[in-house]
């Protein structure tokens, strides 16, 4: 390890230590209050993410159902078009062979 990297690590650790001391000295709440606030925030965030996930899953299911309805609704039309195209092709082949 070169001297420059070692120097950077020492400064990083010094800054980490000073930041920790400053955070403890100037914390607006006692430790148990801070832990409770953090726990509450994490729980609220987890509940929100779960809610968003459920909503997204519901919307995706609705979109998929709509897509299936559109596809199944269009399929008879598509079958009719291909049948008509086949009939037209047979007519053209019959005319050219005669």
N, C-alpha and C. Protein backbone atom coordinates (compact mmCIF):
# COMPACT_ATOMS: atom_id res chain seq x y z
N UNK A 1 0.85 -1.17 0.00
CA UNK A 1 0.00 0.00 0.00
C UNK A 1 0.89 1.23 0.00
N UNK A 2 0.62 2.12 -0.91
CA UNK A 2 1.47 3.31 -0.99
C UNK A 2 1.10 4.28 0.12
N UNK A 3 1.99 5.23 0.36
CA UNK A 3 1.79 6.22 1.42
C UNK A 3 0.57 7.08 1.18
N UNK A 4 0.26 7.37 -0.08
CA UNK A 4 -0.88 8.21 -0.42
C UNK A 4 -2.20 7.53 -0.03
N UNK A 5 -2.32 6.22 -0.33
CA UNK A 5 -3.53 5.49 0.04
C UNK A 5 -3.68 5.41 1.55
N UNK A 6 -2.58 5.16 2.24
CA UNK A 6 -2.61 5.06 3.70
C UNK A 6 -3.04 6.40 4.29
N UNK A 7 -2.53 7.48 3.74
CA UNK A 7 -2.89 8.82 4.20
C UNK A 7 -4.40 9.07 3.99
N UNK A 8 -4.91 8.65 2.83
CA UNK A 8 -6.34 8.82 2.54
C UNK A 8 -7.20 8.03 3.53
N UNK A 9 -6.77 6.83 3.86
CA UNK A 9 -7.52 6.00 4.80
C UNK A 9 -7.53 6.64 6.18
N UNK A 10 -6.40 7.18 6.60
CA UNK A 10 -6.31 7.83 7.91
C UNK A 10 -7.25 9.03 7.96
N UNK A 11 -7.27 9.84 6.91
CA UNK A 11 -8.16 11.00 6.89
C UNK A 11 -9.62 10.57 6.86
N UNK A 12 -9.91 9.51 6.13
CA UNK A 12 -11.28 9.01 6.09
C UNK A 12 -11.73 8.57 7.48
N UNK A 13 -10.90 7.79 8.16
CA UNK A 13 -11.25 7.33 9.51
C UNK A 13 -11.38 8.49 10.49
N UNK A 14 -10.51 9.50 10.35
CA UNK A 14 -10.60 10.67 11.22
C UNK A 14 -11.93 11.40 10.99
N UNK A 15 -12.31 11.57 9.74
CA UNK A 15 -13.58 12.23 9.42
C UNK A 15 -14.77 11.42 9.90
N UNK A 16 -14.68 10.09 9.77
CA UNK A 16 -15.74 9.22 10.26
C UNK A 16 -15.90 9.36 11.77
N UNK A 17 -14.79 9.37 12.47
CA UNK A 17 -14.83 9.52 13.93
C UNK A 17 -15.40 10.87 14.35
N UNK A 18 -14.94 11.95 13.70
CA UNK A 18 -15.46 13.28 14.04
C UNK A 18 -16.94 13.41 13.72
N UNK A 19 -17.38 12.82 12.62
CA UNK A 19 -18.79 12.85 12.26
C UNK A 19 -19.64 12.09 13.27
N UNK A 20 -19.13 10.97 13.73
CA UNK A 20 -19.86 10.19 14.73
C UNK A 20 -20.01 10.96 16.03
N UNK A 21 -18.89 11.56 16.49
CA UNK A 21 -18.91 12.34 17.73
C UNK A 21 -19.87 13.52 17.59
N UNK A 22 -19.82 14.23 16.47
CA UNK A 22 -20.70 15.38 16.27
C UNK A 22 -22.16 14.93 16.23
N UNK A 23 -22.43 13.80 15.60
CA UNK A 23 -23.80 13.29 15.53
C UNK A 23 -24.35 12.94 16.89
N UNK A 24 -23.51 12.35 17.73
CA UNK A 24 -23.96 11.98 19.08
C UNK A 24 -24.17 13.22 19.93
N UNK A 25 -23.27 14.18 19.83
CA UNK A 25 -23.38 15.38 20.66
C UNK A 25 -24.55 16.27 20.27
N UNK A 26 -24.86 16.34 18.99
CA UNK A 26 -25.88 17.26 18.51
C UNK A 26 -27.16 16.56 18.09
N UNK A 27 -27.35 15.31 18.49
CA UNK A 27 -28.58 14.59 18.14
C UNK A 27 -29.77 15.28 18.79
N UNK A 28 -30.85 15.49 18.02
CA UNK A 28 -32.01 16.19 18.57
C UNK A 28 -32.84 15.33 19.54
N UNK A 29 -32.64 14.02 19.52
CA UNK A 29 -33.43 13.13 20.37
C UNK A 29 -32.50 12.16 21.09
N UNK A 30 -33.04 11.53 22.12
CA UNK A 30 -32.29 10.49 22.82
C UNK A 30 -32.20 9.25 21.92
N UNK A 31 -31.29 8.35 22.24
CA UNK A 31 -31.06 7.16 21.40
C UNK A 31 -32.30 6.33 21.19
N UNK A 32 -33.06 6.04 22.24
CA UNK A 32 -34.24 5.20 22.08
C UNK A 32 -35.30 5.89 21.24
N UNK A 33 -35.41 7.20 21.35
CA UNK A 33 -36.37 7.95 20.51
C UNK A 33 -35.96 7.91 19.05
N UNK A 34 -34.66 8.06 18.81
CA UNK A 34 -34.16 8.02 17.44
C UNK A 34 -34.39 6.64 16.84
N UNK A 35 -34.10 5.58 17.60
CA UNK A 35 -34.32 4.22 17.09
C UNK A 35 -35.79 3.98 16.78
N UNK A 36 -36.67 4.48 17.65
CA UNK A 36 -38.11 4.32 17.42
C UNK A 36 -38.53 5.06 16.16
N UNK A 37 -38.01 6.27 15.95
CA UNK A 37 -38.34 7.04 14.74
C UNK A 37 -37.87 6.33 13.49
N UNK A 38 -36.64 5.78 13.55
CA UNK A 38 -36.10 5.07 12.39
C UNK A 38 -36.94 3.82 12.11
N UNK A 39 -37.28 3.08 13.16
CA UNK A 39 -38.08 1.86 12.99
C UNK A 39 -39.46 2.20 12.41
N UNK A 40 -40.08 3.24 12.90
CA UNK A 40 -41.38 3.67 12.39
C UNK A 40 -41.28 4.06 10.92
N UNK A 41 -40.23 4.82 10.58
CA UNK A 41 -40.04 5.23 9.19
C UNK A 41 -39.82 4.05 8.27
N UNK A 42 -39.04 3.07 8.71
CA UNK A 42 -38.80 1.88 7.89
C UNK A 42 -40.09 1.09 7.72
N UNK A 43 -40.86 0.93 8.79
CA UNK A 43 -42.14 0.21 8.69
C UNK A 43 -43.11 0.91 7.74
N UNK A 44 -43.19 2.23 7.86
CA UNK A 44 -44.07 3.00 6.96
C UNK A 44 -43.62 2.86 5.51
N UNK A 45 -42.31 2.91 5.29
CA UNK A 45 -41.77 2.75 3.94
C UNK A 45 -42.07 1.38 3.37
N UNK A 46 -41.93 0.34 4.20
CA UNK A 46 -42.20 -1.02 3.76
C UNK A 46 -43.68 -1.18 3.41
N UNK A 47 -44.56 -0.61 4.22
CA UNK A 47 -46.00 -0.68 3.94
C UNK A 47 -46.35 0.05 2.65
N UNK A 48 -45.71 1.20 2.44
CA UNK A 48 -45.96 1.97 1.21
C UNK A 48 -45.50 1.20 -0.02
N UNK A 49 -44.32 0.61 0.07
CA UNK A 49 -43.80 -0.16 -1.08
C UNK A 49 -44.70 -1.36 -1.36
N UNK A 50 -45.18 -2.04 -0.32
CA UNK A 50 -46.09 -3.17 -0.51
C UNK A 50 -47.39 -2.71 -1.17
N UNK A 51 -47.88 -1.55 -0.75
CA UNK A 51 -49.11 -1.00 -1.34
C UNK A 51 -48.92 -0.68 -2.82
N UNK A 52 -47.80 -0.06 -3.13
CA UNK A 52 -47.51 0.27 -4.53
C UNK A 52 -47.37 -1.00 -5.36
N UNK A 53 -46.74 -2.02 -4.79
CA UNK A 53 -46.59 -3.30 -5.50
C UNK A 53 -47.94 -3.94 -5.78
N UNK A 54 -48.83 -3.93 -4.78
CA UNK A 54 -50.18 -4.49 -4.99
C UNK A 54 -50.92 -3.72 -6.08
N UNK A 55 -50.82 -2.40 -6.03
CA UNK A 55 -51.49 -1.58 -7.03
C UNK A 55 -50.94 -1.86 -8.43
N UNK A 56 -49.64 -1.97 -8.55
CA UNK A 56 -49.03 -2.25 -9.85
C UNK A 56 -49.46 -3.61 -10.36
N UNK A 57 -49.50 -4.61 -9.47
CA UNK A 57 -49.92 -5.95 -9.87
C UNK A 57 -51.38 -5.93 -10.35
N UNK A 58 -52.23 -5.17 -9.66
CA UNK A 58 -53.64 -5.06 -10.04
C UNK A 58 -53.79 -4.40 -11.41
N UNK A 59 -53.03 -3.31 -11.63
CA UNK A 59 -53.09 -2.63 -12.93
C UNK A 59 -52.59 -3.54 -14.05
N UNK A 60 -51.51 -4.26 -13.79
CA UNK A 60 -50.97 -5.16 -14.81
C UNK A 60 -51.99 -6.25 -15.14
N UNK A 61 -52.67 -6.77 -14.12
CA UNK A 61 -53.71 -7.78 -14.37
C UNK A 61 -54.85 -7.22 -15.20
N UNK A 62 -55.24 -5.98 -14.90
CA UNK A 62 -56.32 -5.35 -15.68
C UNK A 62 -55.90 -5.14 -17.13
N UNK A 63 -54.65 -4.71 -17.32
CA UNK A 63 -54.16 -4.50 -18.69
C UNK A 63 -54.10 -5.83 -19.44
N UNK A 64 -53.68 -6.88 -18.76
CA UNK A 64 -53.59 -8.17 -19.40
C UNK A 64 -54.98 -8.68 -19.79
N UNK A 65 -55.94 -8.49 -18.89
CA UNK A 65 -57.32 -8.91 -19.20
C UNK A 65 -57.87 -8.12 -20.39
N UNK A 66 -57.59 -6.81 -20.42
CA UNK A 66 -58.04 -5.99 -21.55
C UNK A 66 -57.39 -6.45 -22.84
N UNK A 67 -56.11 -6.77 -22.77
CA UNK A 67 -55.40 -7.25 -23.96
C UNK A 67 -55.98 -8.56 -24.47
N UNK A 68 -56.31 -9.46 -23.53
CA UNK A 68 -56.91 -10.74 -23.94
C UNK A 68 -58.26 -10.52 -24.59
N UNK A 69 -59.05 -9.59 -24.02
CA UNK A 69 -60.36 -9.30 -24.62
C UNK A 69 -60.20 -8.75 -26.02
N UNK A 70 -59.23 -7.87 -26.20
CA UNK A 70 -59.02 -7.28 -27.53
C UNK A 70 -58.59 -8.35 -28.51
N UNK A 71 -57.66 -9.22 -28.09
CA UNK A 71 -57.15 -10.26 -28.99
C UNK A 71 -58.26 -11.24 -29.34
N UNK A 72 -58.99 -11.70 -28.33
CA UNK A 72 -60.06 -12.67 -28.63
C UNK A 72 -61.19 -12.01 -29.41
N UNK A 73 -61.44 -10.74 -29.20
CA UNK A 73 -62.46 -10.03 -29.96
C UNK A 73 -62.06 -9.84 -31.41
N UNK A 74 -60.78 -9.66 -31.69
CA UNK A 74 -60.30 -9.43 -33.05
C UNK A 74 -60.05 -10.73 -33.80
N UNK A 75 -59.88 -11.82 -33.09
CA UNK A 75 -59.53 -13.08 -33.75
C UNK A 75 -60.58 -13.51 -34.78
N UNK A 76 -61.88 -13.46 -34.49
CA UNK A 76 -62.84 -13.85 -35.53
C UNK A 76 -62.73 -12.96 -36.77
N UNK A 77 -62.47 -11.67 -36.57
CA UNK A 77 -62.30 -10.78 -37.71
C UNK A 77 -61.06 -11.19 -38.51
N UNK A 78 -59.99 -11.53 -37.79
CA UNK A 78 -58.77 -11.92 -38.49
C UNK A 78 -58.98 -13.22 -39.24
N UNK A 79 -59.70 -14.17 -38.63
CA UNK A 79 -59.97 -15.43 -39.32
C UNK A 79 -60.80 -15.18 -40.57
N UNK A 80 -61.77 -14.28 -40.49
CA UNK A 80 -62.59 -13.96 -41.66
C UNK A 80 -61.75 -13.33 -42.76
N UNK A 81 -60.81 -12.48 -42.36
CA UNK A 81 -59.96 -11.82 -43.36
C UNK A 81 -59.05 -12.84 -44.03
N UNK A 82 -58.51 -13.76 -43.28
CA UNK A 82 -57.62 -14.75 -43.90
C UNK A 82 -58.42 -15.70 -44.77
N UNK A 83 -59.65 -16.04 -44.33
CA UNK A 83 -60.49 -16.90 -45.18
C UNK A 83 -60.82 -16.18 -46.49
N UNK A 84 -61.16 -14.91 -46.42
CA UNK A 84 -61.46 -14.13 -47.62
C UNK A 84 -60.23 -14.03 -48.52
N UNK A 85 -59.06 -13.86 -47.91
CA UNK A 85 -57.82 -13.80 -48.70
C UNK A 85 -57.55 -15.11 -49.40
N UNK A 86 -57.82 -16.22 -48.71
CA UNK A 86 -57.64 -17.54 -49.33
C UNK A 86 -58.58 -17.73 -50.50
N UNK A 87 -59.83 -17.29 -50.33
CA UNK A 87 -60.81 -17.40 -51.43
C UNK A 87 -60.35 -16.57 -52.62
N UNK A 88 -59.86 -15.36 -52.36
CA UNK A 88 -59.41 -14.49 -53.45
C UNK A 88 -58.21 -15.11 -54.15
N UNK A 89 -57.31 -15.71 -53.39
CA UNK A 89 -56.13 -16.35 -53.99
C UNK A 89 -56.56 -17.53 -54.86
N UNK A 90 -57.51 -18.32 -54.40
CA UNK A 90 -58.00 -19.45 -55.22
C UNK A 90 -58.65 -18.94 -56.51
N UNK A 91 -59.37 -17.85 -56.41
CA UNK A 91 -60.00 -17.28 -57.61
C UNK A 91 -58.95 -16.84 -58.61
N UNK A 92 -57.88 -16.19 -58.14
CA UNK A 92 -56.82 -15.72 -59.03
C UNK A 92 -56.11 -16.90 -59.67
N UNK A 93 -55.83 -17.91 -58.87
CA UNK A 93 -55.15 -19.10 -59.42
C UNK A 93 -56.03 -19.79 -60.44
N UNK A 94 -57.33 -19.85 -60.17
CA UNK A 94 -58.26 -20.53 -61.10
C UNK A 94 -58.33 -19.73 -62.40
N UNK A 95 -58.32 -18.38 -62.32
CA UNK A 95 -58.38 -17.56 -63.54
C UNK A 95 -57.12 -17.70 -64.37
N UNK A 96 -55.98 -17.76 -63.72
CA UNK A 96 -54.72 -17.86 -64.49
C UNK A 96 -54.54 -19.25 -65.07
N UNK A 97 -55.13 -20.26 -64.45
CA UNK A 97 -54.97 -21.61 -65.00
C UNK A 97 -55.92 -21.85 -66.17
N UNK A 98 -57.01 -21.11 -66.22
CA UNK A 98 -57.97 -21.35 -67.31
C UNK A 98 -57.52 -20.75 -68.60
